């Protein structure tokens, strides 16, 4: 018997129980339906006939009163139309006698109707109103009352019978409900027990095969699945045993080669001077090299939380980079030396810059992450020396530059003597160069203070519209000179922001100024402010020439100037803007395409 046939057989008890419940339900519901139909057939038609007959009697009596009142023609017509209806309903009742005593009551009703008709005919034959009036109260009205009482007796008899039958039907319905619940529960329990038992017997070989698979997964290549029979599971067990046999032979033949390859791989990563850490798909530690053991104090032999013994700064970087790669976001590349983490060691502090690459499986999914902590201690020291040199040179430039600016200004103003027009032009150009040089020196000094950690933010609450307007007003003269429109759009839910207005004003002013410089005449620079997910986002959009993708990755680097950029700067504005935004706990970026303008944005966390 095949596995499919066994499973179908296991479901047979439930199917039989369902059929049994259906048969019982159909039979009981059919019985209840017949009982209700009997009530309608036996009594409801009689009740309806009595109601109609009573109505006809009352209309005939009303016709007699019309005659007594002097409207003989109207009364005669009305009573003549009611008699056939009453006679028809009487015949229906005579053919629908179903209850004990109903036949005698029907006979009395017939006799009462005939007497009433006889008296009514005599009443109609009287010539005068006075005689008709006397005959009505003497003979006709008593006959009417007798016929109506006879009809009421039959009506009450059938109504009482309907009440009794309805109560009996209710009791029968209660018994049927109890029977149905009992049958359903019994059928369900019996069917479930039989199906469970048959299913367990049919799937018992699957349990045997599952245990063998788990043993094989744990490295027990001698595990075999003992399954008898000729069904699909037995065939699967034979195939599994053949696979386990092949794996055992393969392991025995290739174990030495695997161990040799593993040793070569370990020797390769141990030869690297930088710490290397390999994580599995679940985030667990798979491998480390000797440098990682020495610098990070990592060891595969120790159990528990291995990263818990790493310095907090290095642990935070490892966890962040690991989450980036295992989260499916690709390789991790640092944005600059500022991401280097300091690791204290007995021989001195070392600065490590994280890089990571995903490890892919055969199916193309990420099965691990390799993290390399590049030692950039010497490069960082060189960078610090360069920054110190730049700061020192900028500071030494400041005093003679101030004197030079003052001297050029005094000569240009004619304080020391008259100046010709050509000399004035030369002095004006020299003064502009001095101002540009002063701006570069100020940027260098600001940059040195930021990198030295001396940037102190004075955060306070300012109105968003006033803050944006101040940045636009500072660039309005330059925008009008170039024929560029300035506009703003502040969302209604952004009333105020908590920032250092002086420092962040430099950032926004720098972005607006760059937009004005790179936007042709007739273009527009727009500042937008919006709120979302606990952050406020500032956007500066221009309609300029745009930025090539290969330049966007370096545009926030120090001293970087895009090819074709206007002369006059040192390439420090966006770098300083990035440092100020990050000091506020925010992010900064750019979205641009050649010929489609640029959108510089930064977002700040706001309560």
Protein backbone atom coordinates (compact mmCIF):
# COMPACT_ATOMS: atom_id res chain seq x y z
CA UNK A 1 0.00 0.00 0.00
CA UNK A 2 1.40 3.41 -0.99
CA UNK A 3 1.76 6.36 1.37
CA UNK A 4 -1.03 8.19 -0.43
CA UNK A 5 -3.39 5.25 0.08
CA UNK A 6 -2.45 5.06 3.76
CA UNK A 7 -3.13 8.75 4.30
CA UNK A 8 -6.46 8.47 2.46
CA UNK A 9 -7.37 5.47 4.61
CA UNK A 10 -6.47 7.49 7.71
CA UNK A 11 -8.97 10.15 6.67
CA UNK A 12 -11.75 7.60 6.02
CA UNK A 13 -13.07 7.54 9.65
CA UNK A 14 -13.53 11.27 9.63
CA UNK A 15 -15.32 11.04 6.28
CA UNK A 16 -17.61 8.29 7.60
CA UNK A 17 -18.33 10.33 10.72
CA UNK A 18 -19.19 13.29 8.52
CA UNK A 19 -21.57 11.14 6.44
CA UNK A 20 -23.21 9.78 9.60
CA UNK A 21 -23.73 13.26 10.98
CA UNK A 22 -25.16 14.38 7.64
CA UNK A 23 -27.64 11.48 7.50
CA UNK A 24 -28.84 12.09 11.04
CA UNK A 25 -29.10 15.83 10.40
CA UNK A 26 -31.12 15.35 7.20
CA UNK A 27 -33.49 12.88 8.85
CA UNK A 28 -34.14 15.02 11.93
CA UNK A 29 -34.50 18.23 9.99
CA UNK A 30 -36.90 16.53 7.57
CA UNK A 31 -38.94 15.33 10.53
CA UNK A 32 -39.05 18.79 12.03
CA UNK A 33 -40.06 20.24 8.67
CA UNK A 34 -42.96 17.79 8.36
CA UNK A 35 -44.14 18.65 11.86
CA UNK A 36 -44.26 22.34 11.01
CA UNK A 37 -46.00 21.62 7.73
CA UNK A 38 -48.64 19.59 9.56
CA UNK A 39 -49.42 22.55 11.78
CA UNK A 40 -49.96 24.71 8.73
CA UNK A 41 -52.04 22.11 6.95
CA UNK A 42 -54.18 21.06 9.93
CA UNK A 43 -54.93 24.28 11.75
CA UNK A 44 -53.73 27.40 9.99
CA UNK A 45 -56.23 27.03 7.10
CA UNK A 46 -59.10 26.62 9.54
CA UNK A 47 -57.97 29.67 11.51
CA UNK A 48 -57.81 31.68 8.32
CA UNK A 49 -61.29 30.45 7.25
CA UNK A 50 -62.82 31.36 10.61
CA UNK A 51 -61.32 34.83 10.46
CA UNK A 52 -62.72 35.40 6.99
CA UNK A 53 -66.15 33.99 7.94
CA UNK A 54 -66.30 36.24 10.99
CA UNK A 55 -65.42 39.18 8.78
CA UNK A 56 -68.25 38.26 6.32
CA UNK A 57 -70.76 37.90 9.13
CA UNK A 58 -69.86 41.33 10.46
CA UNK A 59 -70.21 42.87 6.98
CA UNK A 60 -73.64 41.21 6.54
CA UNK A 61 -74.70 42.52 9.92
CA UNK A 62 -73.48 45.97 8.84
CA UNK A 63 -75.59 45.61 5.68
CA UNK A 64 -78.65 44.81 7.83
CA UNK A 65 -78.05 47.97 9.81
CA UNK A 66 -77.89 49.95 6.57
CA UNK A 67 -81.35 48.58 5.71
CA UNK A 68 -82.65 49.44 9.18
CA UNK A 69 -81.26 52.96 8.67
CA UNK A 70 -83.18 53.36 5.42
CA UNK A 71 -80.41 52.60 2.88
CA UNK A 72 -82.01 49.38 1.60
CA UNK A 73 -80.32 49.33 -1.78
CA UNK A 74 -76.80 49.67 -0.35
CA UNK A 75 -77.46 47.09 2.35
CA UNK A 76 -78.98 44.62 -0.12
CA UNK A 77 -75.98 44.84 -2.45
CA UNK A 78 -73.46 44.44 0.40
CA UNK A 79 -75.09 41.36 1.95
CA UNK A 80 -75.49 39.73 -1.46
CA UNK A 81 -71.72 39.98 -2.14
CA UNK A 82 -70.74 38.47 1.23
CA UNK A 83 -72.86 35.28 1.14
CA UNK A 84 -70.84 33.41 -1.55
CA UNK A 85 -67.55 34.15 0.25
CA UNK A 86 -68.92 32.85 3.56
CA UNK A 87 -70.31 29.73 1.89
CA UNK A 88 -66.94 29.04 0.18
CA UNK A 89 -65.01 29.37 3.46
CA UNK A 90 -67.59 27.11 5.18
CA UNK A 91 -66.96 24.40 2.58
CA UNK A 92 -63.18 24.76 3.16
CA UNK A 93 -63.68 24.29 6.88
CA UNK A 94 -65.93 21.30 6.39
CA UNK A 95 -63.15 19.68 4.34
CA UNK A 96 -60.38 20.51 6.88
CA UNK A 97 -61.69 18.97 10.11
CA UNK A 98 -58.59 17.67 11.92
CA UNK A 99 -59.05 18.19 15.65
CA UNK A 100 -61.25 16.30 18.15
CA UNK A 101 -64.63 18.10 18.57
CA UNK A 102 -64.01 20.17 15.43
CA UNK A 103 -66.58 18.18 13.41
CA UNK A 104 -69.39 18.88 15.89
CA UNK A 105 -68.40 22.57 16.06
CA UNK A 106 -68.40 22.75 12.26
CA UNK A 107 -71.88 21.15 12.13
CA UNK A 108 -73.20 23.74 14.61
CA UNK A 109 -71.65 26.50 12.53
CA UNK A 110 -73.44 25.20 9.43
CA UNK A 111 -76.78 25.05 11.20
CA UNK A 112 -76.27 28.53 12.63
CA UNK A 113 -75.42 29.85 9.15
CA UNK A 114 -78.52 28.33 7.60
CA UNK A 115 -80.73 29.83 10.32
CA UNK A 116 -79.03 33.18 9.83
CA UNK A 117 -79.60 33.01 6.07
CA UNK A 118 -83.25 32.12 6.63
CA UNK A 119 -83.80 34.97 9.03
CA UNK A 120 -81.89 37.30 6.69
CA UNK A 121 -84.15 36.39 3.75
CA UNK A 122 -87.20 37.04 5.92
CA UNK A 123 -85.68 40.32 7.00
CA UNK A 124 -85.14 41.41 3.41
CA UNK A 125 -88.78 40.62 2.53
CA UNK A 126 -90.21 43.10 5.06
CA UNK A 127 -91.61 46.22 3.35
CA UNK A 128 -91.24 48.91 6.01
CA UNK A 129 -88.35 50.25 8.04
CA UNK A 130 -90.17 49.80 11.32
CA UNK A 131 -90.89 46.14 10.59
CA UNK A 132 -87.29 45.59 9.50
CA UNK A 133 -86.00 47.24 12.66
CA UNK A 134 -88.23 45.09 14.86
CA UNK A 135 -87.23 41.92 12.96
CA UNK A 136 -83.51 42.76 13.24
CA UNK A 137 -83.49 43.00 16.99
CA UNK A 138 -85.98 40.17 17.47
CA UNK A 139 -84.57 37.46 15.17
CA UNK A 140 -81.68 38.53 12.94
CA UNK A 141 -79.28 39.86 15.56
CA UNK A 142 -79.57 36.70 17.79
CA UNK A 143 -78.95 34.51 14.71
CA UNK A 144 -75.88 36.63 13.86
CA UNK A 145 -74.54 36.26 17.38
CA UNK A 146 -75.09 32.49 17.29
CA UNK A 147 -73.23 32.08 13.96
CA UNK A 148 -70.38 34.31 15.11
CA UNK A 149 -70.06 32.40 18.38
CA UNK A 150 -69.93 29.10 16.46
CA UNK A 151 -67.11 30.47 14.25
CA UNK A 152 -65.28 31.77 17.30
CA UNK A 153 -65.49 28.33 18.93
CA UNK A 154 -63.84 26.69 15.89
CA UNK A 155 -61.18 29.46 15.82
CA UNK A 156 -60.36 28.97 19.49
CA UNK A 157 -60.21 25.18 19.06
CA UNK A 158 -57.67 25.44 16.21
CA UNK A 159 -55.63 28.14 17.94
CA UNK A 160 -55.38 25.97 21.06
CA UNK A 161 -54.31 23.07 18.86
CA UNK A 162 -51.61 25.22 17.21
CA UNK A 163 -50.26 26.24 20.63
CA UNK A 164 -50.12 22.60 21.75
CA UNK A 165 -48.44 21.47 18.56
CA UNK A 166 -45.96 24.36 18.67
CA UNK A 167 -44.99 23.42 22.22
CA UNK A 168 -44.62 19.80 21.17
CA UNK A 169 -42.50 20.92 18.20
CA UNK A 170 -40.31 22.98 20.53
CA UNK A 171 -39.74 20.00 22.80
CA UNK A 172 -39.00 17.87 19.78
CA UNK A 173 -36.52 20.50 18.54
CA UNK A 174 -34.76 20.47 21.91
CA UNK A 175 -34.49 16.69 21.77
CA UNK A 176 -33.17 16.91 18.21
CA UNK A 177 -30.53 19.46 19.23
CA UNK A 178 -29.40 17.23 22.07
CA UNK A 179 -29.29 14.25 19.74
CA UNK A 180 -27.34 16.19 17.12
CA UNK A 181 -24.75 17.43 19.62
CA UNK A 182 -24.34 13.91 21.00
CA UNK A 183 -23.99 12.40 17.53
CA UNK A 184 -21.54 15.09 16.38
CA UNK A 185 -19.34 14.73 19.47
CA UNK A 186 -19.39 10.95 19.31
CA UNK A 187 -18.64 10.93 15.58
CA UNK A 188 -15.87 13.52 16.00
CA UNK A 189 -14.19 11.66 18.86
CA UNK A 190 -14.40 8.30 17.15
CA UNK A 191 -13.30 9.66 13.79
CA UNK A 192 -10.45 11.67 15.31
CA UNK A 193 -9.22 8.72 17.34
CA UNK A 194 -9.32 6.39 14.35
CA UNK A 195 -7.70 8.94 12.00
CA UNK A 196 -4.97 9.79 14.53
CA UNK A 197 -4.18 6.16 15.07
CA UNK A 198 -4.02 5.37 11.36
CA UNK A 199 -2.01 8.54 10.62
CA UNK A 200 0.48 7.72 13.38
CA UNK A 201 0.97 4.26 11.95
CA UNK A 202 1.34 5.65 8.45
CA UNK A 203 3.88 8.31 9.49
CA UNK A 204 5.90 6.23 11.94
CA UNK A 205 8.55 5.55 9.26
CA UNK A 206 8.86 9.32 8.78
CA UNK A 207 9.88 9.67 12.46
CA UNK A 208 12.50 6.97 11.99
CA UNK A 209 13.82 8.75 8.91
CA UNK A 210 13.80 12.12 10.73
CA UNK A 211 15.91 10.75 13.60
CA UNK A 212 18.41 9.36 11.11
CA UNK A 213 18.60 12.75 9.35
CA UNK A 214 19.28 14.54 12.66
CA UNK A 215 22.06 12.09 13.51
CA UNK A 216 23.58 12.61 10.08
CA UNK A 217 23.33 16.40 10.53
CA UNK A 218 25.30 16.12 13.78
CA UNK A 219 28.14 14.33 11.98
CA UNK A 220 27.16 10.70 12.63
CA UNK A 221 27.78 9.38 9.12
CA UNK A 222 27.06 5.82 10.27
CA UNK A 223 23.38 6.65 10.84
CA UNK A 224 20.94 4.55 8.80
CA UNK A 225 17.14 4.62 8.50
CA UNK A 226 15.57 1.17 8.97
CA UNK A 227 12.23 1.43 7.14
CA UNK A 228 10.35 -1.61 5.88
CA UNK A 229 7.73 -1.75 3.18
CA UNK A 230 7.40 -0.79 -0.45
CA UNK A 231 5.84 2.67 -0.25
CA UNK A 232 7.39 6.06 -0.97
CA UNK A 233 8.83 6.46 2.54
CA UNK A 234 10.55 3.08 2.33
CA UNK A 235 12.03 4.14 -1.03
CA UNK A 236 13.10 7.45 0.54
CA UNK A 237 14.74 5.54 3.40
CA UNK A 238 16.72 3.46 0.92
CA UNK A 239 17.83 6.60 -0.92
CA UNK A 240 18.82 8.20 2.39
CA UNK A 241 20.89 5.19 3.36
CA UNK A 242 22.64 5.30 -0.01
CA UNK A 243 23.35 9.03 0.46
CA UNK A 244 24.67 8.47 4.00
CA UNK A 245 26.92 5.69 2.71
CA UNK A 246 28.30 7.97 -0.01
CA UNK A 247 28.86 10.80 2.46
CA UNK A 248 30.69 8.49 4.84
CA UNK A 249 32.97 7.31 2.07
CA UNK A 250 33.52 10.87 0.84
CA UNK A 251 34.35 12.09 4.34
CA UNK A 252 36.82 9.33 4.88
CA UNK A 253 38.51 10.02 1.53
CA UNK A 254 38.54 13.87 1.66
CA UNK A 255 38.97 14.59 5.37
CA UNK A 256 42.72 15.02 5.04
CA UNK A 257 42.33 17.41 2.11
CA UNK A 258 39.74 19.46 4.01
CA UNK A 259 41.96 19.70 7.06
CA UNK A 260 44.88 20.77 4.89
CA UNK A 261 42.73 23.44 3.16
CA UNK A 262 41.49 24.69 6.52
CA UNK A 263 45.03 24.94 7.83
CA UNK A 264 46.10 26.89 4.72
CA UNK A 265 43.13 29.24 5.07
CA UNK A 266 43.88 29.85 8.74
CA UNK A 267 47.55 30.46 7.97
CA UNK A 268 46.51 32.98 5.30
CA UNK A 269 44.38 35.10 7.61
CA UNK A 270 46.91 34.75 10.43
CA UNK A 271 49.52 36.30 8.14
CA UNK A 272 47.49 39.49 7.84
CA UNK A 273 48.73 42.23 10.19
CA UNK A 274 45.25 43.68 10.68
CA UNK A 275 42.58 42.04 12.90
CA UNK A 276 40.19 39.80 10.91
CA UNK A 277 36.89 38.58 12.40
CA UNK A 278 34.52 36.18 10.60
CA UNK A 279 30.85 36.00 11.66
CA UNK A 280 28.24 33.40 10.73
CA UNK A 281 24.76 34.02 9.33
CA UNK A 282 23.30 34.10 12.86
CA UNK A 283 25.88 36.63 14.07
CA UNK A 284 28.01 34.10 15.96
CA UNK A 285 31.81 34.19 15.84
CA UNK A 286 33.27 31.66 13.37
CA UNK A 287 36.94 32.55 13.06
CA UNK A 288 39.58 35.13 14.03
CA UNK A 289 43.24 35.62 13.18
CA UNK A 290 46.14 36.10 15.59
CA UNK A 291 46.06 39.87 15.27
CA UNK A 292 42.41 39.89 16.39
CA UNK A 293 43.29 37.67 19.35
CA UNK A 294 46.11 40.02 20.38
CA UNK A 295 44.43 43.38 19.74
CA UNK A 296 40.76 42.62 20.50
CA UNK A 297 41.28 39.81 23.02
CA UNK A 298 39.01 37.49 21.01
CA UNK A 299 39.21 33.70 21.26
CA UNK A 300 37.10 30.91 19.78
CA UNK A 301 37.87 28.66 22.74
CA UNK A 302 35.94 30.85 25.17
CA UNK A 303 32.21 30.36 25.42
CA UNK A 304 29.37 32.78 26.19
CA UNK A 305 29.26 36.32 24.87
CA UNK A 306 32.64 36.54 23.12
CA UNK A 307 32.20 40.17 22.05
CA UNK A 308 31.37 41.11 25.63
CA UNK A 309 35.08 40.96 26.48
CA UNK A 310 36.02 43.42 23.72
CA UNK A 311 36.51 47.13 24.49
CA UNK A 312 33.12 48.93 24.30
CA UNK A 313 34.14 51.18 21.38
CA UNK A 314 35.43 48.26 19.29
CA UNK A 315 32.43 46.07 20.23
CA UNK A 316 29.99 48.74 19.07
CA UNK A 317 31.78 49.02 15.71
CA UNK A 318 31.87 45.23 15.22
CA UNK A 319 28.16 44.89 16.00
CA UNK A 320 27.22 47.78 13.71
CA UNK A 321 29.29 46.52 10.77
CA UNK A 322 28.09 42.95 11.30
CA UNK A 323 24.45 44.09 11.27
CA UNK A 324 25.07 46.10 8.09
CA UNK A 325 26.44 43.13 6.14
CA UNK A 326 24.18 40.38 7.53
CA UNK A 327 21.18 42.66 6.97
CA UNK A 328 21.71 42.28 3.22
CA UNK A 329 23.02 45.81 2.57
CA UNK A 330 26.21 44.64 0.87
CA UNK A 331 29.83 45.38 1.72
CA UNK A 332 30.64 48.04 4.31
CA UNK A 333 33.05 50.80 3.32
CA UNK A 334 34.05 53.56 5.78
CA UNK A 335 33.34 57.16 4.82
CA UNK A 336 36.63 58.46 6.21
CA UNK A 337 39.21 58.32 8.97
CA UNK A 338 36.67 59.75 11.40
CA UNK A 339 35.11 56.25 11.62
CA UNK A 340 38.34 54.79 13.02
CA UNK A 341 37.91 53.40 16.54
CA UNK A 342 40.54 53.73 19.26
CA UNK A 343 41.68 50.51 20.98
CA UNK A 344 43.90 50.98 24.06
CA UNK A 345 46.88 48.61 24.23
CA UNK A 346 49.85 48.39 26.63
CA UNK A 347 52.24 49.61 23.92
CA UNK A 348 49.95 52.54 23.06
CA UNK A 349 46.60 53.35 21.48
CA UNK A 350 45.83 51.99 18.04
CA UNK A 351 43.23 53.30 15.60
CA UNK A 352 41.34 50.69 13.57
CA UNK A 353 39.18 51.49 10.51
CA UNK A 354 36.42 48.89 9.85
CA UNK A 355 35.74 47.29 6.47
CA UNK A 356 33.50 44.29 5.83
CA UNK A 357 32.47 41.99 3.00
CA UNK A 358 29.63 39.45 2.85
CA UNK A 359 30.26 35.73 2.49
CA UNK A 360 27.88 34.17 -0.03
CA UNK A 361 26.60 30.60 -0.09
CA UNK A 362 26.01 28.38 -3.09
CA UNK A 363 22.45 29.71 -3.45
CA UNK A 364 23.68 33.31 -3.51
CA UNK A 365 22.42 34.16 -0.02
CA UNK A 366 24.55 35.80 2.67
CA UNK A 367 25.91 33.13 5.02
CA UNK A 368 28.46 35.22 6.89
CA UNK A 369 30.48 38.41 7.14
CA UNK A 370 34.23 39.04 7.14
CA UNK A 371 35.28 42.16 9.06
CA UNK A 372 38.76 43.64 8.66
CA UNK A 373 39.92 46.33 11.10
CA UNK A 374 42.58 48.19 9.17
CA UNK A 375 45.30 49.72 11.34
CA UNK A 376 45.37 53.43 10.39
CA UNK A 377 47.29 54.65 13.42
CA UNK A 378 50.19 56.08 11.39
CA UNK A 379 47.87 57.57 8.74
CA UNK A 380 45.77 59.19 11.45
CA UNK A 381 48.87 60.68 13.06
CA UNK A 382 49.97 62.04 9.68
CA UNK A 383 46.47 63.51 9.23
CA UNK A 384 46.65 65.11 12.67
CA UNK A 385 50.07 66.55 11.86
CA UNK A 386 48.70 67.92 8.60
CA UNK A 387 45.75 69.47 10.39
CA UNK A 388 48.02 70.99 13.04
CA UNK A 389 50.26 72.41 10.32
CA UNK A 390 47.27 73.90 8.45
CA UNK A 391 45.88 75.38 11.67
CA UNK A 392 49.24 76.87 12.59
CA UNK A 393 49.80 78.35 9.14
CA UNK A 394 46.25 79.76 9.07
CA UNK A 395 46.73 81.29 12.51
CA UNK A 396 50.06 82.85 11.50
CA UNK A 397 48.46 84.21 8.31
CA UNK A 398 45.76 85.98 10.25
CA UNK A 399 47.77 88.87 11.70
CA UNK A 400 49.71 89.92 8.54
CA UNK A 401 46.59 89.40 6.48
CA UNK A 402 44.65 91.76 8.72
CA UNK A 403 47.39 94.37 8.32
CA UNK A 404 47.45 93.87 4.57
CA UNK A 405 43.66 94.29 4.35
CA UNK A 406 43.82 97.47 6.41
CA UNK A 407 46.66 98.89 4.27
CA UNK A 408 44.88 98.16 1.00
CA UNK A 409 41.69 99.68 2.38
CA UNK A 410 43.46 102.90 3.48
CA UNK A 411 45.22 103.30 0.16
CA UNK A 412 42.04 102.57 -1.81
CA UNK A 413 40.14 105.18 0.22
CA UNK A 414 42.80 107.81 -0.58
CA UNK A 415 43.86 108.31 3.03
CA UNK A 416 47.57 108.41 2.14
CA UNK A 417 47.14 110.32 -1.08
CA UNK A 418 45.16 110.55 -4.26
CA UNK A 419 44.71 107.37 -6.33
CA UNK A 420 44.27 107.22 -10.06
CA UNK A 421 41.41 105.25 -11.62
CA UNK A 422 43.72 102.48 -12.80
CA UNK A 423 45.34 102.25 -9.37
CA UNK A 424 41.86 102.12 -7.78
CA UNK A 425 40.93 99.17 -9.99
CA UNK A 426 44.08 97.32 -8.98
CA UNK A 427 43.49 98.09 -5.28
CA UNK A 428 39.85 96.95 -5.53
CA UNK A 429 40.98 93.63 -7.05
CA UNK A 430 43.64 93.29 -4.33
CA UNK A 431 41.02 93.98 -1.64
CA UNK A 432 38.71 91.28 -3.07
CA UNK A 433 41.60 88.80 -3.05
CA UNK A 434 42.35 89.72 0.55
CA UNK A 435 38.72 89.15 1.51
CA UNK A 436 38.71 85.78 -0.24
CA UNK A 437 41.97 84.85 1.48
CA UNK A 438 40.50 85.96 4.82
CA UNK A 439 37.50 83.65 4.21
CA UNK A 440 39.83 80.73 3.48
CA UNK A 441 41.82 81.44 6.67
CA UNK A 442 38.58 81.58 8.71
CA UNK A 443 37.44 78.26 7.21
CA UNK A 444 40.78 76.66 8.04
CA UNK A 445 40.59 77.88 11.63
CA UNK A 446 36.99 76.67 12.00
CA UNK A 447 37.99 73.31 10.57
CA UNK A 448 40.91 73.00 12.99
CA UNK A 449 38.69 73.83 15.97
CA UNK A 450 36.09 71.25 14.89
CA UNK A 451 38.69 68.52 14.39
CA UNK A 452 40.26 69.36 17.75
CA UNK A 453 36.88 68.87 19.44
CA UNK A 454 36.66 72.54 20.48
CA UNK A 455 33.33 73.15 18.75
CA UNK A 456 30.86 74.17 21.48
CA UNK A 457 27.23 74.30 20.38
CA UNK A 458 24.90 76.86 21.93
CA UNK A 459 21.59 75.18 21.21
CA UNK A 460 18.41 77.17 21.67
CA UNK A 461 14.91 77.26 20.25
CA UNK A 462 14.48 79.45 17.16
CA UNK A 463 11.61 79.98 14.76
CA UNK A 464 12.09 77.92 11.60
CA UNK A 465 10.84 80.61 9.22
CA UNK A 466 13.07 83.30 10.76
CA UNK A 467 16.05 80.94 10.61
CA UNK A 468 15.48 80.20 6.91
CA UNK A 469 14.80 83.85 6.07
CA UNK A 470 18.09 84.90 7.68
CA UNK A 471 20.02 82.45 5.49
CA UNK A 472 18.20 83.62 2.35
CA UNK A 473 18.67 87.34 3.16
CA UNK A 474 22.42 86.81 3.48
CA UNK A 475 22.53 85.52 -0.12
CA UNK A 476 19.85 87.74 -1.63
CA UNK A 477 22.26 90.37 -3.02
CA UNK A 478 24.35 87.74 -4.79
CA UNK A 479 21.20 86.06 -6.11
CA UNK A 480 19.83 89.34 -7.52
CA UNK A 481 23.18 90.05 -9.16
CA UNK A 482 23.08 86.66 -10.92
CA UNK A 483 19.34 86.85 -11.68
CA UNK A 484 18.44 83.83 -9.49
CA UNK A 485 15.13 83.61 -7.59
CA UNK A 486 15.13 82.64 -3.91
CA UNK A 487 12.10 80.99 -2.30
CA UNK A 488 11.23 78.97 0.76
CA UNK A 489 8.59 76.44 1.82
CA UNK A 490 8.29 75.65 5.54
CA UNK A 491 5.80 72.95 6.56
CA UNK A 492 3.04 73.99 8.94
CA UNK A 493 4.08 71.39 11.55
CA UNK A 494 7.60 72.89 11.78
CA UNK A 495 7.18 75.97 13.95
CA UNK A 496 10.54 76.00 15.74
CA UNK A 497 13.78 74.02 15.85
CA UNK A 498 16.36 73.54 18.59
CA UNK A 499 19.77 74.27 17.02
CA UNK A 500 22.83 76.45 17.35
CA UNK A 501 21.57 79.23 15.03
CA UNK A 502 25.01 80.69 14.37
CA UNK A 503 26.69 77.41 13.44
CA UNK A 504 23.77 75.89 11.58
CA UNK A 505 23.15 79.25 9.88
CA UNK A 506 26.62 78.88 8.35
CA UNK A 507 25.60 75.45 7.01
CA UNK A 508 22.33 76.64 5.47
CA UNK A 509 23.94 79.83 4.14
CA UNK A 510 26.76 77.83 2.57
CA UNK A 511 24.31 75.49 0.83
CA UNK A 512 22.19 78.41 -0.44
CA UNK A 513 25.32 80.28 -1.60
CA UNK A 514 26.57 77.22 -3.49
CA UNK A 515 23.16 76.88 -5.11
CA UNK A 516 23.26 80.51 -6.25
CA UNK A 517 26.78 80.11 -7.67
CA UNK A 518 25.87 77.02 -9.69
CA UNK A 519 22.46 78.19 -10.96
CA UNK A 520 22.29 80.14 -14.23
CA UNK A 521 20.35 83.37 -14.67
CA UNK A 522 16.60 82.82 -14.55
CA UNK A 523 16.97 79.77 -12.30
CA UNK A 524 15.69 79.24 -8.78
CA UNK A 525 17.04 78.17 -5.40
CA UNK A 526 14.39 76.88 -2.99
CA UNK A 527 14.70 75.99 0.71
CA UNK A 528 12.21 73.42 2.04
CA UNK A 529 11.71 72.39 5.66
CA UNK A 530 9.61 69.36 6.67
CA UNK A 531 9.17 67.05 9.65
CA UNK A 532 8.93 63.26 9.78
CA UNK A 533 9.74 60.41 12.18
CA UNK A 534 11.13 62.65 14.93
CA UNK A 535 13.48 64.58 12.61
CA UNK A 536 13.42 67.91 10.79
CA UNK A 537 14.73 67.86 7.22
CA UNK A 538 16.17 70.91 5.44
CA UNK A 539 16.49 70.77 1.64
CA UNK A 540 18.19 73.29 -0.66
CA UNK A 541 17.13 72.69 -4.28
CA UNK A 542 18.63 74.49 -7.25
CA UNK A 543 18.12 74.32 -11.02
CA UNK A 544 21.81 74.36 -11.88
CA UNK A 545 23.99 72.05 -13.90
CA UNK A 546 23.93 69.19 -11.38
CA UNK A 547 26.74 66.99 -10.05
CA UNK A 548 28.13 63.85 -11.69
CA UNK A 549 27.69 60.62 -9.68
CA UNK A 550 31.45 60.02 -9.39
CA UNK A 551 31.87 63.46 -7.79
CA UNK A 552 29.03 63.09 -5.25
CA UNK A 553 30.99 60.53 -3.21
CA UNK A 554 33.84 63.04 -2.58
CA UNK A 555 32.00 66.32 -2.46
CA UNK A 556 32.05 66.48 1.37
CA UNK A 557 35.80 65.76 1.61
CA UNK A 558 38.24 68.45 2.79
CA UNK A 559 39.89 70.53 0.07
CA UNK A 560 37.91 68.76 -2.67
CA UNK A 561 36.80 70.94 -5.55
CA UNK A 562 34.70 69.58 -8.37
CA UNK A 563 36.11 70.07 -11.88
CA UNK A 564 34.81 73.30 -13.40
CA UNK A 565 33.81 74.79 -10.04
CA UNK A 566 34.02 78.61 -9.80
CA UNK A 567 37.28 79.94 -8.40
CA UNK A 568 37.47 81.58 -5.00
CA UNK A 569 37.15 78.78 -2.44
CA UNK A 570 39.38 76.18 -0.81
CA UNK A 571 36.92 73.29 -0.88
CA UNK A 572 36.21 73.44 2.86
CA UNK A 573 32.64 74.72 3.02
CA UNK A 574 30.82 71.39 2.63
CA UNK A 575 33.33 69.59 4.86
CA UNK A 576 32.72 72.13 7.66
CA UNK A 577 28.96 71.90 7.05
CA UNK A 578 29.14 68.11 7.45
CA UNK A 579 31.04 68.38 10.74
CA UNK A 580 28.56 70.95 12.14
CA UNK A 581 25.53 68.83 11.17
CA UNK A 582 27.08 65.71 12.68
CA UNK A 583 27.84 67.69 15.85
CA UNK A 584 24.06 68.30 16.05
CA UNK A 585 23.52 64.53 15.75
CA UNK A 586 22.24 64.80 12.16
CA UNK A 587 23.01 63.55 8.67
CA UNK A 588 23.82 65.39 5.44
CA UNK A 589 23.77 64.32 1.81
CA UNK A 590 23.10 65.30 -1.79
CA UNK A 591 20.78 64.08 -4.55
CA UNK A 592 21.76 65.22 -8.04
CA UNK A 593 22.03 64.31 -11.68
CA UNK A 594 23.82 66.15 -14.50
CA UNK A 595 21.54 68.71 -16.11
CA UNK A 596 18.75 68.26 -13.50
CA UNK A 597 19.96 70.43 -10.65
CA UNK A 598 21.00 69.40 -7.14
CA UNK A 599 19.29 68.96 -3.79
CA UNK A 600 21.51 69.26 -0.72
CA UNK A 601 19.77 68.09 2.46
CA UNK A 602 20.48 67.62 6.13
CA UNK A 603 18.23 66.23 8.84
CA UNK A 604 18.38 66.88 12.59
CA UNK A 605 16.79 64.98 15.48
CA UNK A 606 14.08 67.15 17.06
CA UNK A 607 11.77 66.43 20.01
